[in-house]
N, C-alpha and C. Protein backbone atom coordinates (compact mmCIF):
# COMPACT_ATOMS: atom_id res chain seq x y z
N MET A 1 78.48 7.48 -24.09
CA MET A 1 78.77 7.03 -22.74
C MET A 1 77.82 5.92 -22.31
N LYS A 2 76.59 5.95 -22.80
CA LYS A 2 75.62 4.93 -22.43
C LYS A 2 76.01 3.55 -22.95
N LYS A 3 76.68 3.50 -24.13
CA LYS A 3 77.07 2.21 -24.70
C LYS A 3 78.24 1.59 -23.96
N LEU A 4 78.99 2.37 -23.24
CA LEU A 4 80.15 1.87 -22.52
C LEU A 4 79.74 1.19 -21.21
N MET A 5 78.57 1.46 -20.70
CA MET A 5 78.12 0.91 -19.42
C MET A 5 78.04 -0.62 -19.42
N PRO A 6 77.46 -1.29 -20.44
CA PRO A 6 77.44 -2.75 -20.43
C PRO A 6 78.84 -3.36 -20.49
N VAL A 7 79.76 -2.69 -21.14
CA VAL A 7 81.13 -3.20 -21.21
C VAL A 7 81.78 -3.16 -19.84
N ARG A 8 81.60 -2.05 -19.15
CA ARG A 8 82.17 -1.93 -17.80
C ARG A 8 81.52 -2.93 -16.84
N LEU A 9 80.22 -3.12 -16.97
CA LEU A 9 79.53 -4.07 -16.10
C LEU A 9 80.04 -5.49 -16.37
N GLY A 10 80.18 -5.82 -17.64
CA GLY A 10 80.68 -7.14 -17.99
C GLY A 10 82.10 -7.34 -17.52
N LEU A 11 82.94 -6.32 -17.65
CA LEU A 11 84.32 -6.39 -17.21
C LEU A 11 84.41 -6.53 -15.70
N SER A 12 83.57 -5.82 -14.99
CA SER A 12 83.60 -5.92 -13.52
C SER A 12 83.11 -7.29 -13.05
N ILE A 13 82.11 -7.84 -13.71
CA ILE A 13 81.64 -9.18 -13.35
C ILE A 13 82.72 -10.21 -13.66
N PHE A 14 83.40 -10.06 -14.77
CA PHE A 14 84.48 -10.97 -15.12
C PHE A 14 85.61 -10.90 -14.10
N MET A 15 85.99 -9.71 -13.69
CA MET A 15 87.07 -9.55 -12.71
C MET A 15 86.68 -10.14 -11.36
N MET A 16 85.44 -9.97 -10.95
CA MET A 16 84.99 -10.55 -9.67
C MET A 16 85.01 -12.07 -9.73
N SER A 17 84.57 -12.62 -10.86
CA SER A 17 84.58 -14.09 -10.97
C SER A 17 86.01 -14.62 -11.01
N MET A 18 86.93 -13.88 -11.60
CA MET A 18 88.34 -14.31 -11.61
C MET A 18 88.92 -14.27 -10.21
N MET A 19 88.54 -13.29 -9.41
CA MET A 19 89.04 -13.22 -8.04
C MET A 19 88.55 -14.41 -7.22
N VAL A 20 87.32 -14.80 -7.43
CA VAL A 20 86.78 -15.96 -6.73
C VAL A 20 87.47 -17.23 -7.20
N ALA A 21 87.72 -17.33 -8.50
CA ALA A 21 88.37 -18.52 -9.05
C ALA A 21 89.81 -18.63 -8.56
N VAL A 22 90.50 -17.52 -8.44
CA VAL A 22 91.88 -17.55 -7.95
C VAL A 22 91.91 -18.03 -6.51
N GLN A 23 90.96 -17.62 -5.72
CA GLN A 23 90.92 -18.04 -4.33
C GLN A 23 90.66 -19.55 -4.24
N GLN A 24 89.84 -20.09 -5.11
CA GLN A 24 89.54 -21.52 -5.10
C GLN A 24 90.68 -22.35 -5.66
N ALA A 25 91.55 -21.75 -6.44
CA ALA A 25 92.62 -22.48 -7.10
C ALA A 25 93.89 -22.55 -6.27
N SER A 26 93.80 -22.32 -4.99
CA SER A 26 94.99 -22.41 -4.16
C SER A 26 95.48 -23.85 -4.13
N ALA A 27 96.77 -24.02 -3.95
CA ALA A 27 97.39 -25.33 -4.05
C ALA A 27 96.93 -26.25 -2.93
N CYS A 28 96.86 -27.53 -3.26
CA CYS A 28 96.45 -28.54 -2.28
C CYS A 28 97.66 -28.92 -1.42
N PRO A 29 97.45 -29.64 -0.33
CA PRO A 29 98.57 -30.05 0.52
C PRO A 29 99.60 -30.91 -0.23
N PHE A 30 99.16 -31.65 -1.22
CA PHE A 30 100.09 -32.48 -2.00
C PHE A 30 101.12 -31.60 -2.71
N CYS A 31 100.66 -30.45 -3.22
CA CYS A 31 101.58 -29.55 -3.92
C CYS A 31 102.59 -28.94 -2.98
N TYR A 32 102.20 -28.75 -1.73
CA TYR A 32 103.12 -28.18 -0.76
C TYR A 32 104.05 -29.22 -0.17
N GLY A 33 103.82 -30.48 -0.43
CA GLY A 33 104.69 -31.54 0.07
C GLY A 33 104.25 -32.13 1.40
N ALA A 34 103.01 -31.94 1.79
CA ALA A 34 102.52 -32.51 3.04
C ALA A 34 102.40 -34.01 2.90
N LYS A 35 103.05 -34.75 3.76
CA LYS A 35 103.06 -36.20 3.64
C LYS A 35 101.91 -36.87 4.39
N ASP A 36 101.26 -36.15 5.27
CA ASP A 36 100.21 -36.75 6.09
C ASP A 36 98.80 -36.42 5.61
N GLY A 37 98.67 -35.64 4.58
CA GLY A 37 97.35 -35.20 4.15
C GLY A 37 96.56 -36.29 3.44
N LYS A 38 95.25 -36.22 3.54
CA LYS A 38 94.38 -37.17 2.83
C LYS A 38 94.53 -37.04 1.33
N ALA A 39 94.69 -35.81 0.86
CA ALA A 39 94.84 -35.59 -0.58
C ALA A 39 96.12 -36.26 -1.09
N THR A 40 97.16 -36.25 -0.26
CA THR A 40 98.42 -36.90 -0.64
C THR A 40 98.22 -38.40 -0.78
N GLN A 41 97.52 -39.00 0.15
CA GLN A 41 97.27 -40.44 0.09
C GLN A 41 96.41 -40.79 -1.12
N HIS A 42 95.39 -40.01 -1.38
CA HIS A 42 94.52 -40.27 -2.52
C HIS A 42 95.27 -40.08 -3.84
N MET A 43 96.14 -39.08 -3.88
CA MET A 43 96.93 -38.85 -5.09
C MET A 43 97.87 -40.02 -5.34
N ALA A 44 98.45 -40.57 -4.29
CA ALA A 44 99.34 -41.72 -4.45
C ALA A 44 98.57 -42.93 -4.98
N VAL A 45 97.36 -43.15 -4.47
CA VAL A 45 96.54 -44.26 -4.97
C VAL A 45 96.17 -44.04 -6.43
N ALA A 46 95.84 -42.81 -6.78
CA ALA A 46 95.48 -42.51 -8.17
C ALA A 46 96.67 -42.71 -9.10
N ILE A 47 97.86 -42.32 -8.66
CA ILE A 47 99.06 -42.51 -9.49
C ILE A 47 99.32 -43.99 -9.71
N TRP A 48 99.22 -44.80 -8.65
CA TRP A 48 99.45 -46.24 -8.81
C TRP A 48 98.39 -46.89 -9.68
N PHE A 49 97.14 -46.44 -9.56
CA PHE A 49 96.08 -46.98 -10.41
C PHE A 49 96.34 -46.67 -11.88
N LEU A 50 96.69 -45.42 -12.17
CA LEU A 50 96.97 -45.05 -13.56
C LEU A 50 98.21 -45.76 -14.09
N PHE A 51 99.21 -45.96 -13.23
CA PHE A 51 100.40 -46.71 -13.63
C PHE A 51 100.02 -48.14 -14.00
N GLY A 52 99.16 -48.76 -13.19
CA GLY A 52 98.70 -50.11 -13.49
C GLY A 52 97.89 -50.17 -14.77
N ALA A 53 97.06 -49.18 -15.01
CA ALA A 53 96.26 -49.16 -16.23
C ALA A 53 97.14 -49.03 -17.46
N VAL A 54 98.13 -48.15 -17.41
CA VAL A 54 99.03 -47.97 -18.54
C VAL A 54 99.84 -49.23 -18.78
N MET A 55 100.34 -49.84 -17.71
CA MET A 55 101.15 -51.06 -17.87
C MET A 55 100.32 -52.22 -18.40
N SER A 56 99.05 -52.31 -18.03
CA SER A 56 98.22 -53.38 -18.56
C SER A 56 97.95 -53.18 -20.05
N VAL A 57 97.78 -51.94 -20.49
CA VAL A 57 97.60 -51.69 -21.92
C VAL A 57 98.88 -52.03 -22.68
N ILE A 58 100.01 -51.61 -22.16
CA ILE A 58 101.28 -51.92 -22.82
C ILE A 58 101.53 -53.43 -22.82
N GLY A 59 101.18 -54.10 -21.72
CA GLY A 59 101.32 -55.56 -21.67
C GLY A 59 100.41 -56.24 -22.69
N GLY A 60 99.21 -55.74 -22.86
CA GLY A 60 98.30 -56.30 -23.85
C GLY A 60 98.83 -56.14 -25.27
N ILE A 61 99.41 -54.98 -25.55
CA ILE A 61 100.00 -54.76 -26.87
C ILE A 61 101.17 -55.71 -27.08
N GLY A 62 101.98 -55.90 -26.05
CA GLY A 62 103.11 -56.83 -26.15
C GLY A 62 102.65 -58.26 -26.36
N ALA A 63 101.63 -58.68 -25.62
CA ALA A 63 101.11 -60.05 -25.77
C ALA A 63 100.51 -60.26 -27.16
N PHE A 64 99.81 -59.27 -27.67
CA PHE A 64 99.25 -59.38 -29.01
C PHE A 64 100.35 -59.46 -30.07
N SER A 65 101.40 -58.65 -29.90
CA SER A 65 102.52 -58.69 -30.83
C SER A 65 103.22 -60.04 -30.80
N TYR A 66 103.40 -60.58 -29.60
CA TYR A 66 104.02 -61.90 -29.47
C TYR A 66 103.17 -62.98 -30.14
N SER A 67 101.86 -62.91 -29.97
CA SER A 67 101.01 -63.93 -30.58
C SER A 67 101.04 -63.83 -32.11
N ILE A 68 101.10 -62.62 -32.64
CA ILE A 68 101.22 -62.46 -34.09
C ILE A 68 102.56 -63.01 -34.58
N TRP A 69 103.63 -62.71 -33.84
CA TRP A 69 104.96 -63.21 -34.21
C TRP A 69 105.00 -64.73 -34.16
N LYS A 70 104.42 -65.30 -33.09
CA LYS A 70 104.41 -66.76 -32.94
C LYS A 70 103.57 -67.42 -34.04
N HIS A 71 102.43 -66.81 -34.36
CA HIS A 71 101.57 -67.37 -35.39
C HIS A 71 102.23 -67.28 -36.77
N GLY A 72 103.00 -66.23 -36.99
CA GLY A 72 103.68 -66.06 -38.27
C GLY A 72 104.79 -67.07 -38.49
N ARG A 73 105.34 -67.64 -37.43
CA ARG A 73 106.42 -68.61 -37.56
C ARG A 73 105.93 -70.05 -37.65
N MET A 74 104.64 -70.26 -37.53
CA MET A 74 104.10 -71.63 -37.60
C MET A 74 104.21 -72.17 -39.02
N PRO A 75 104.45 -73.47 -39.15
CA PRO A 75 104.53 -74.04 -40.50
C PRO A 75 103.15 -74.02 -41.17
N THR A 76 103.17 -74.08 -42.47
CA THR A 76 101.93 -74.07 -43.25
C THR A 76 101.18 -75.38 -43.00
N PRO A 77 99.85 -75.32 -42.78
CA PRO A 77 99.07 -76.54 -42.58
C PRO A 77 99.14 -77.44 -43.83
N PRO A 78 99.00 -78.76 -43.65
CA PRO A 78 99.15 -79.69 -44.78
C PRO A 78 98.17 -79.42 -45.92
N HIS A 79 96.92 -79.05 -45.62
CA HIS A 79 95.97 -78.83 -46.71
C HIS A 79 96.35 -77.61 -47.55
N GLU A 80 96.95 -76.60 -46.91
CA GLU A 80 97.38 -75.43 -47.68
C GLU A 80 98.64 -75.76 -48.48
N ARG A 81 99.52 -76.59 -47.93
CA ARG A 81 100.70 -77.01 -48.67
C ARG A 81 100.32 -77.79 -49.92
N LEU A 82 99.30 -78.63 -49.79
CA LEU A 82 98.82 -79.41 -50.93
C LEU A 82 98.29 -78.49 -52.03
N ILE A 83 97.53 -77.46 -51.63
CA ILE A 83 97.01 -76.50 -52.61
C ILE A 83 98.15 -75.77 -53.30
N GLU A 84 99.18 -75.36 -52.53
CA GLU A 84 100.32 -74.69 -53.13
C GLU A 84 101.06 -75.58 -54.11
N ASP A 85 101.21 -76.87 -53.74
CA ASP A 85 101.91 -77.81 -54.63
C ASP A 85 101.10 -78.03 -55.92
N LEU A 86 99.78 -78.09 -55.79
CA LEU A 86 98.95 -78.27 -56.98
C LEU A 86 99.01 -77.05 -57.90
N GLU A 87 99.09 -75.85 -57.32
CA GLU A 87 99.17 -74.64 -58.13
C GLU A 87 100.51 -74.53 -58.83
N LYS A 88 101.59 -75.04 -58.22
CA LYS A 88 102.89 -75.01 -58.84
C LYS A 88 102.96 -75.94 -60.05
N ASP A 89 102.26 -77.09 -59.97
CA ASP A 89 102.29 -78.07 -61.05
C ASP A 89 101.56 -77.57 -62.30
N GLU A 90 100.64 -76.68 -62.15
CA GLU A 90 99.85 -76.22 -63.29
C GLU A 90 100.59 -75.27 -64.16
């Protein structure tokens, strides 16, 4: 019976901490649909900021892909063409 005491103490401390955590985890006004709350306004700003960050990354990938595509379509420079012609003759 003496060995069971630390287990019960630990279990009771865990249950008390869970009760406190559940009380703190109540939903914010944004979750309830409050349109006038400060949390709602801040959440809207955060969503737009993250949307802008994602779109800038996607835009950067698109611009990089376009530059690679454009560079790949450029004609061969004259000095490289000369080297290719010399290698063909050999």
